[in-house]
Protein backbone atom coordinates (compact mmCIF):
# COMPACT_ATOMS: atom_id res chain seq x y z
CA UNK A 1 0.00 0.00 0.00
CA UNK A 2 1.34 3.39 -0.96
CA UNK A 3 1.37 6.28 1.49
CA UNK A 4 2.11 8.81 -1.23
CA UNK A 5 -0.28 11.79 -1.17
CA UNK A 6 -2.74 12.07 -4.03
CA UNK A 7 -2.47 15.37 -5.90
CA UNK A 8 -5.58 17.54 -5.61
CA UNK A 9 -6.10 17.47 -9.37
CA UNK A 10 -6.45 13.68 -9.29
CA UNK A 11 -9.92 12.25 -8.80
CA UNK A 12 -10.47 10.03 -5.76
CA UNK A 13 -13.44 7.77 -6.37
CA UNK A 14 -15.19 5.10 -4.30
CA UNK A 15 -18.39 3.10 -4.76
CA UNK A 16 -21.08 3.17 -2.14
CA UNK A 17 -21.31 0.35 0.38
CA UNK A 18 -23.77 -2.26 -0.79
CA UNK A 19 -25.66 -5.05 0.87
CA UNK A 20 -26.35 -8.29 -0.98
CA UNK A 21 -29.67 -8.56 0.84
CA UNK A 22 -30.96 -5.37 -0.82
CA UNK A 23 -30.03 -6.62 -4.31
CA UNK A 24 -31.67 -10.00 -3.59
CA UNK A 25 -34.75 -8.20 -2.24
CA UNK A 26 -35.21 -6.21 -5.48
CA UNK A 27 -34.69 -9.31 -7.63
CA UNK A 28 -37.18 -11.35 -5.58
CA UNK A 29 -39.73 -8.54 -5.86
CA UNK A 30 -39.27 -8.49 -9.65
CA UNK A 31 -39.84 -12.26 -9.81
CA UNK A 32 -42.95 -11.93 -7.65
CA UNK A 33 -44.36 -9.26 -10.00
CA UNK A 34 -43.56 -11.49 -13.01
CA UNK A 35 -45.25 -14.48 -11.35
CA UNK A 36 -48.34 -12.48 -10.49
CA UNK A 37 -48.49 -11.16 -14.06
CA UNK A 38 -48.07 -14.64 -15.54
CA UNK A 39 -50.61 -16.35 -13.27
CA UNK A 40 -53.14 -13.54 -13.15
CA UNK A 41 -56.42 -14.65 -14.73
CA UNK A 42 -56.90 -11.37 -16.53
CA UNK A 43 -54.63 -8.37 -16.57
CA UNK A 44 -56.62 -6.58 -19.26
CA UNK A 45 -58.07 -4.05 -16.79
CA UNK A 46 -54.64 -2.46 -16.29
CA UNK A 47 -52.41 -3.68 -19.13
CA UNK A 48 -49.39 -1.57 -18.22
CA UNK A 49 -49.42 -2.09 -14.44
CA UNK A 50 -47.00 -5.04 -14.27
CA UNK A 51 -44.46 -3.71 -16.79
CA UNK A 52 -44.57 -0.37 -14.96
CA UNK A 53 -43.87 -2.08 -11.62
CA UNK A 54 -41.01 -4.06 -13.20
CA UNK A 55 -39.49 -0.90 -14.67
CA UNK A 56 -39.82 0.92 -11.34
CA UNK A 57 -38.12 -1.91 -9.42
CA UNK A 58 -35.36 -2.06 -12.03
CA UNK A 59 -34.85 1.72 -11.71
CA UNK A 60 -34.54 1.42 -7.91
CA UNK A 61 -32.04 -1.44 -8.29
CA UNK A 62 -29.96 0.53 -10.82
CA UNK A 63 -29.95 3.63 -8.59
CA UNK A 64 -28.78 1.49 -5.69
CA UNK A 65 -26.08 -0.26 -7.74
CA UNK A 66 -24.70 2.89 -9.41
CA UNK A 67 -24.25 5.06 -6.32
CA UNK A 68 -20.66 6.29 -6.01
CA UNK A 69 -18.72 9.15 -4.52
CA UNK A 70 -15.77 11.08 -5.89
CA UNK A 71 -13.59 13.97 -4.84
CA UNK A 72 -11.62 16.19 -7.18
CA UNK A 73 -9.73 19.42 -6.53
CA UNK A 74 -12.94 21.44 -6.20
CA UNK A 75 -15.81 19.37 -4.81
CA UNK A 76 -17.25 16.18 -3.35
CA UNK A 77 -19.73 14.50 -5.71
CA UNK A 78 -22.36 11.98 -4.61
CA UNK A 79 -23.68 10.47 -7.85
CA UNK A 80 -26.24 7.95 -9.03
CA UNK A 81 -28.62 7.54 -11.94
CA UNK A 82 -31.14 10.41 -11.99
CA UNK A 83 -29.65 12.53 -9.26
CA UNK A 84 -26.76 13.48 -7.10
CA UNK A 85 -25.26 16.21 -5.01
CA UNK A 86 -22.19 18.43 -5.44
CA UNK A 87 -20.52 19.90 -2.35
CA UNK A 88 -17.69 22.44 -2.88
CA UNK A 89 -14.66 21.56 -0.72
CA UNK A 90 -14.30 25.11 0.64
CA UNK A 91 -17.84 24.92 2.10
CA UNK A 92 -17.22 21.72 4.11
CA UNK A 93 -17.19 22.54 7.83
CA UNK A 94 -17.62 19.14 9.42
CA UNK A 95 -17.07 15.46 8.52
CA UNK A 96 -18.55 12.98 11.00
CA UNK A 97 -19.13 9.25 11.21
CA UNK A 98 -22.87 8.76 11.51
CA UNK A 99 -25.65 6.23 11.29
CA UNK A 100 -28.75 7.19 9.34
CA UNK A 101 -30.94 5.24 11.78
CA UNK A 102 -29.60 7.25 14.72
CA UNK A 103 -30.12 10.54 12.88
CA UNK A 104 -33.79 9.58 12.49
CA UNK A 105 -34.55 11.29 9.19
CA UNK A 106 -38.17 12.11 8.46
CA UNK A 107 -39.03 12.18 4.79
CA UNK A 108 -39.60 9.36 2.37
CA UNK A 109 -36.82 10.37 0.00
CA UNK A 110 -34.09 10.61 2.65
CA UNK A 111 -34.97 7.46 4.54
CA UNK A 112 -35.62 5.18 1.54
CA UNK A 113 -32.37 5.96 -0.27
CA UNK A 114 -33.83 8.15 -2.99
CA UNK A 115 -31.68 11.26 -3.13
CA UNK A 116 -33.71 13.94 -1.56
CA UNK A 117 -34.36 16.27 1.27
CA UNK A 118 -35.29 15.02 4.69
CA UNK A 119 -35.38 16.37 8.20
CA UNK A 120 -33.57 14.99 11.23
CA UNK A 121 -34.22 16.01 14.85
CA UNK A 122 -30.43 16.00 15.38
CA UNK A 123 -29.14 17.94 12.34
CA UNK A 124 -32.27 19.60 10.91
CA UNK A 125 -32.60 19.68 7.11
CA UNK A 126 -30.40 17.10 5.39
CA UNK A 127 -29.87 15.26 2.12
CA UNK A 128 -29.17 11.56 1.81
CA UNK A 129 -27.32 9.90 -1.08
CA UNK A 130 -26.67 6.63 0.69
CA UNK A 131 -27.12 2.89 0.27
CA UNK A 132 -26.58 1.65 3.84
CA UNK A 133 -27.28 3.20 7.23
CA UNK A 134 -23.62 3.64 8.33
CA UNK A 135 -21.60 6.36 6.68
CA UNK A 136 -20.48 9.97 6.85
CA UNK A 137 -22.41 13.14 7.54
CA UNK A 138 -20.76 15.98 5.63
CA UNK A 139 -21.85 19.45 6.80
CA UNK A 140 -21.50 22.08 4.11
CA UNK A 141 -23.54 25.07 3.09
CA UNK A 142 -27.04 25.18 4.52
CA UNK A 143 -27.84 21.47 4.20
CA UNK A 144 -25.59 18.57 5.28
CA UNK A 145 -25.43 15.41 3.14
CA UNK A 146 -25.28 11.82 4.38
CA UNK A 147 -23.15 9.44 2.25
CA UNK A 148 -22.15 5.79 2.65
CA UNK A 149 -18.81 5.03 0.94
CA UNK A 150 -17.59 1.41 0.89
CA UNK A 151 -14.59 2.33 3.09
CA UNK A 152 -15.76 5.25 5.23
CA UNK A 153 -12.44 5.54 7.10
CA UNK A 154 -10.32 5.90 3.93
CA UNK A 155 -12.86 8.19 2.27
CA UNK A 156 -13.06 10.44 5.34
CA UNK A 157 -9.26 10.61 5.53
CA UNK A 158 -8.96 11.66 1.86
CA UNK A 159 -11.86 14.11 2.08
CA UNK A 160 -10.38 15.71 5.21
CA UNK A 161 -6.95 15.98 3.55
CA UNK A 162 -8.43 17.72 0.52
CA UNK A 163 -10.56 20.08 2.61
CA UNK A 164 -7.45 21.04 4.62
CA UNK A 165 -5.54 21.68 1.36
CA UNK A 166 -8.28 23.93 0.01
CA UNK A 167 -8.75 25.78 3.32
CA UNK A 168 -5.05 26.48 3.87
CA UNK A 169 -4.43 23.77 6.46
CA UNK A 170 -7.46 24.40 8.70
CA UNK A 171 -9.01 20.98 9.40
CA UNK A 172 -12.78 20.46 9.28
CA UNK A 173 -14.47 19.61 12.57
CA UNK A 174 -14.40 15.82 12.91
CA UNK A 175 -16.25 15.43 16.21
CA UNK A 176 -18.84 12.66 16.52
CA UNK A 177 -22.49 13.35 15.83
CA UNK A 178 -24.37 14.25 19.00
CA UNK A 179 -27.39 12.15 19.60
């Protein structure tokens, strides 16, 4: 393993943490919808219902599978199909280990993994671009973002190093989340 520092111009990229159980869950749901469609006595009353459900489940699976995070010399990017979030490095004030379940987000989009705004009694307004409940809470601008990189320790270390470089050596606050 190399301890050489990555230049700020280089892109540091990492996939999101993934659980096999979530992938299996989506696949099982797709098979259930196919079985119901195949064995249904008459689907003529709503001819597009089953293909629509299949397409929706496939979209959710693809969003889950394509979630990744990258850092370049200017910003942190949380990306997935049909959405994402960009956080400029100079705006990052705090990087904390967190658990989405402990933050208690309220809002369907934040708690079900669809990138969107939610509200937490601990941090207030927040965004979530995550695939698992353990990850990092990055406070920047008006709204913090919760992310779940595959190796949260390494990603936090690199993000902190780049934020310090952009901010002239001043480290972001890395205290634990209160709650």
